Amino acid sequence: MKILNKKGITSIEILICFTITAVLVISMFKVIDSYKDRQDLESYKNTITTYKNSLTKRIEDAIIENRGVIKAEVVANSEAVPNQIPENQYQIRLTFRNNKVIIMTVMKDAYCTDGQPCDPTKRKPDELDYERSSFYVIFDGEKITLPKAYFLQFNEVYLKNEDDFITLHIGIHHPDLGNKYDVLNVFTPLVSAYPNALGL
């Protein structure tokens, strides 16, 4: 005759089961959290790419609409220096063949936790209000804003005038992304040097 083992689960066995379950749950949370972080970064990269395409198209459309650029120059003010990055603003004046003039302004607004504008390079990270900070370009009166500009900084903003061609470039850096990104890259001939460049 078979005798049944009437011994129940001991408290040690219950403790081991709970421990194993807790380790598995914590591991799952870490995996999910890591996946969410990667998803957020990929979403931001897509936002930057979309912004670049939109801004580049806006400026290229203006070049075609106004029959090409005949002159490009940095706007002189106390902060804007040719081929250098001011703390929060950069301006370029474009003169077109039909005599229209457009000033392109590149801005990075930063706000401190007290709600006042501030210089991000002179503040600790916990003193900055990233929800209010923004990066945008004003072109022909239109403000084109890049969403989610938290921690974003200028990497390079420049106007090049070489071999009768103009290059407009805006580079940004975001520490969480680990790379430098372009949000504008326009390369166009001067119509004064190449009058038939746009077929005009």
Protein backbone atom coordinates (compact mmCIF):
# COMPACT_ATOMS: atom_id res chain seq x y z
CA MET A 1 0.00 0.00 0.00
CA LYS A 2 1.35 3.41 -1.05
CA ILE A 3 1.77 5.93 1.76
CA LEU A 4 1.10 9.59 0.84
CA ASN A 5 3.58 12.22 1.91
CA LYS A 6 1.58 14.59 4.08
CA LYS A 7 4.44 17.04 4.50
CA GLY A 8 3.38 20.59 3.33
CA ILE A 9 5.42 23.40 1.78
CA THR A 10 7.94 24.78 4.21
CA SER A 11 8.46 28.48 4.87
CA ILE A 12 11.95 28.21 3.31
CA GLU A 13 10.47 26.92 0.06
CA ILE A 14 7.86 29.73 0.04
CA LEU A 15 10.62 32.30 0.63
CA ILE A 16 12.69 30.90 -2.24
CA CYS A 17 9.66 31.05 -4.56
CA PHE A 18 8.97 34.67 -3.62
CA THR A 19 12.64 35.58 -4.11
CA ILE A 20 12.79 34.01 -7.56
CA THR A 21 9.53 35.70 -8.54
CA ALA A 22 10.79 39.10 -7.30
CA VAL A 23 14.05 38.75 -9.26
CA LEU A 24 12.12 37.90 -12.44
CA VAL A 25 9.73 40.83 -12.01
CA ILE A 26 12.60 43.31 -11.38
CA SER A 27 14.44 41.99 -14.44
CA MET A 28 11.32 42.44 -16.56
CA PHE A 29 10.91 46.04 -15.34
CA LYS A 30 14.53 46.81 -16.28
CA VAL A 31 14.06 45.35 -19.76
CA ILE A 32 10.80 47.27 -20.29
CA ASP A 33 12.35 50.51 -18.99
CA SER A 34 15.39 50.10 -21.26
CA TYR A 35 13.11 49.41 -24.23
CA LYS A 36 11.07 52.54 -23.44
CA ASP A 37 14.24 54.67 -23.30
CA ARG A 38 15.35 53.36 -26.69
CA GLN A 39 11.89 53.98 -28.09
CA ASP A 40 11.94 57.58 -26.81
CA LEU A 41 15.36 58.21 -28.39
CA GLU A 42 14.26 56.74 -31.73
CA SER A 43 11.15 58.93 -31.60
CA TYR A 44 13.30 62.01 -30.99
CA LYS A 45 15.64 61.09 -33.87
CA ASN A 46 12.60 60.81 -36.15
CA THR A 47 11.41 64.21 -34.89
CA ILE A 48 14.80 65.75 -35.77
CA THR A 49 14.76 64.17 -39.25
CA THR A 50 11.22 65.42 -39.89
CA TYR A 51 12.18 68.90 -38.69
CA LYS A 52 15.26 68.95 -40.94
CA ASN A 53 13.23 67.96 -43.99
CA SER A 54 10.55 70.57 -43.25
CA LEU A 55 13.02 73.41 -42.62
CA THR A 56 15.22 72.56 -45.60
CA LYS A 57 12.21 72.38 -47.94
CA ARG A 58 10.90 75.72 -46.65
CA ILE A 59 14.17 77.49 -47.45
CA GLU A 60 14.72 75.74 -50.78
CA ASP A 61 11.17 76.65 -51.85
CA ALA A 62 11.93 80.31 -51.02
CA ILE A 63 15.12 80.18 -53.10
CA ILE A 64 13.20 78.89 -56.13
CA GLU A 65 10.21 81.19 -55.59
CA ASN A 66 12.44 84.27 -55.38
CA ARG A 67 14.57 83.24 -58.38
CA GLY A 68 17.75 82.40 -56.50
CA VAL A 69 20.14 84.00 -54.02
CA ILE A 70 22.46 86.81 -55.06
CA LYS A 71 23.95 87.52 -51.63
CA ALA A 72 24.15 85.93 -48.18
CA GLU A 73 25.69 87.50 -45.10
CA VAL A 74 25.74 87.30 -41.33
CA VAL A 75 23.68 90.02 -39.66
CA ALA A 76 26.02 92.20 -37.61
CA ASN A 77 25.06 92.61 -33.98
CA SER A 78 26.71 92.38 -30.58
CA GLU A 79 26.48 88.57 -30.51
CA ALA A 80 26.48 87.32 -34.09
CA VAL A 81 30.03 86.85 -35.39
CA PRO A 82 30.69 85.34 -38.84
CA ASN A 83 31.21 81.57 -38.66
CA GLN A 84 30.96 81.50 -34.86
CA ILE A 85 28.15 80.47 -32.58
CA PRO A 86 26.60 83.11 -30.30
CA GLU A 87 25.22 81.91 -26.99
CA ASN A 88 21.63 81.75 -28.12
CA GLN A 89 21.11 83.43 -31.50
CA TYR A 90 22.40 83.43 -35.05
CA GLN A 91 21.12 85.51 -37.96
CA ILE A 92 21.73 85.34 -41.70
CA ARG A 93 20.41 87.79 -44.30
CA LEU A 94 19.54 86.36 -47.72
CA THR A 95 19.08 88.72 -50.69
CA PHE A 96 17.24 87.20 -53.64
CA ARG A 97 17.26 87.94 -57.34
CA ASN A 98 13.83 89.62 -57.22
CA ASN A 99 15.24 92.03 -54.55
CA LYS A 100 13.40 90.36 -51.68
CA VAL A 101 15.41 90.18 -48.42
CA ILE A 102 14.80 87.50 -45.79
CA ILE A 103 16.56 87.27 -42.44
CA MET A 104 16.87 83.77 -41.05
CA THR A 105 17.12 83.72 -37.25
CA VAL A 106 18.26 80.61 -35.38
CA MET A 107 17.33 80.63 -31.70
CA LYS A 108 17.78 78.45 -28.62
CA ASP A 109 15.69 79.81 -25.77
CA ALA A 110 16.53 78.47 -22.33
CA TYR A 111 14.54 79.08 -19.16
CA CYS A 112 15.54 78.60 -15.54
CA THR A 113 13.31 76.99 -12.93
CA ASP A 114 12.31 80.47 -11.73
CA GLY A 115 10.63 81.01 -15.12
CA GLN A 116 13.18 83.56 -16.33
CA PRO A 117 15.30 83.27 -19.51
CA CYS A 118 18.86 82.21 -18.72
CA ASP A 119 22.15 81.06 -20.20
CA PRO A 120 22.22 77.23 -20.09
CA THR A 121 26.03 77.15 -20.19
CA LYS A 122 26.20 78.97 -16.84
CA ARG A 123 23.56 76.93 -15.00
CA LYS A 124 23.45 73.50 -13.42
CA PRO A 125 21.09 71.00 -15.09
CA ASP A 126 18.66 71.04 -12.15
CA GLU A 127 18.35 74.83 -12.47
CA LEU A 128 17.00 74.63 -16.03
CA ASP A 129 13.36 74.31 -17.04
CA TYR A 130 13.56 72.00 -20.05
CA GLU A 131 9.80 72.01 -20.55
CA ARG A 132 9.91 75.71 -21.48
CA SER A 133 13.21 75.71 -23.39
CA SER A 134 12.89 75.62 -27.18
CA PHE A 135 14.86 75.60 -30.42
CA TYR A 136 13.46 77.29 -33.51
CA VAL A 137 14.21 79.06 -36.78
CA ILE A 138 12.33 82.17 -37.91
CA PHE A 139 12.31 82.36 -41.70
CA ASP A 140 10.34 85.02 -43.58
CA GLY A 141 8.18 85.64 -40.51
CA GLU A 142 7.39 81.96 -39.98
CA LYS A 143 8.53 80.38 -36.71
CA ILE A 144 9.56 76.76 -37.25
CA THR A 145 9.99 75.06 -33.86
CA LEU A 146 11.71 71.79 -33.08
CA PRO A 147 9.64 69.97 -30.42
CA LYS A 148 11.27 68.31 -27.41
CA ALA A 149 14.38 70.48 -27.38
CA TYR A 150 15.45 69.32 -23.91
CA PHE A 151 19.26 69.33 -23.42
CA LEU A 152 19.73 70.31 -27.07
CA GLN A 153 22.63 72.67 -27.86
CA PHE A 154 24.11 74.28 -30.95
CA ASN A 155 26.96 72.28 -32.38
CA GLU A 156 27.65 74.53 -35.35
CA VAL A 157 25.80 77.21 -37.27
CA TYR A 158 27.55 78.65 -40.26
CA LEU A 159 27.27 80.36 -43.60
CA LYS A 160 29.89 79.46 -46.19
CA ASN A 161 30.50 81.42 -49.37
CA GLU A 162 32.97 79.49 -51.50
CA ASP A 163 33.42 79.10 -55.26
CA ASP A 164 30.24 81.08 -55.92
CA PHE A 165 28.16 78.63 -53.92
CA ILE A 166 26.40 79.23 -50.61
CA THR A 167 26.15 76.66 -47.84
CA LEU A 168 23.71 77.19 -44.96
CA HIS A 169 24.24 74.70 -42.17
CA ILE A 170 22.82 74.20 -38.66
CA GLY A 171 24.24 71.40 -36.55
CA ILE A 172 22.92 70.43 -33.12
CA HIS A 173 24.07 68.15 -30.33
CA HIS A 174 21.98 66.15 -27.90
CA PRO A 175 23.91 64.23 -25.20
CA ASP A 176 21.29 61.49 -24.87
CA LEU A 177 21.51 60.71 -28.58
CA GLY A 178 25.29 60.44 -28.52
CA ASN A 179 25.70 62.03 -31.96
CA LYS A 180 25.70 65.32 -33.83
CA TYR A 181 22.72 65.99 -36.06
CA ASP A 182 22.01 68.40 -38.88
CA VAL A 183 18.74 70.30 -38.85
CA LEU A 184 19.58 72.30 -41.98
CA ASN A 185 21.86 71.68 -44.93
CA VAL A 186 21.18 73.94 -47.92
CA PHE A 187 23.66 74.17 -50.81
CA THR A 188 22.78 76.65 -53.55
CA PRO A 189 24.62 78.61 -56.29
CA LEU A 190 24.79 82.39 -56.36
CA VAL A 191 22.66 83.38 -59.35
CA SER A 192 24.93 86.38 -59.95
CA ALA A 193 27.70 83.93 -60.79
CA TYR A 194 25.45 81.28 -62.36
CA PRO A 195 22.53 83.20 -63.95
CA ASN A 196 21.12 80.03 -65.51
CA ALA A 197 21.51 77.88 -62.41
CA LEU A 198 17.76 77.80 -61.76
CA GLY A 199 16.81 77.92 -65.40
CA LEU A 200 15.88 81.61 -65.19
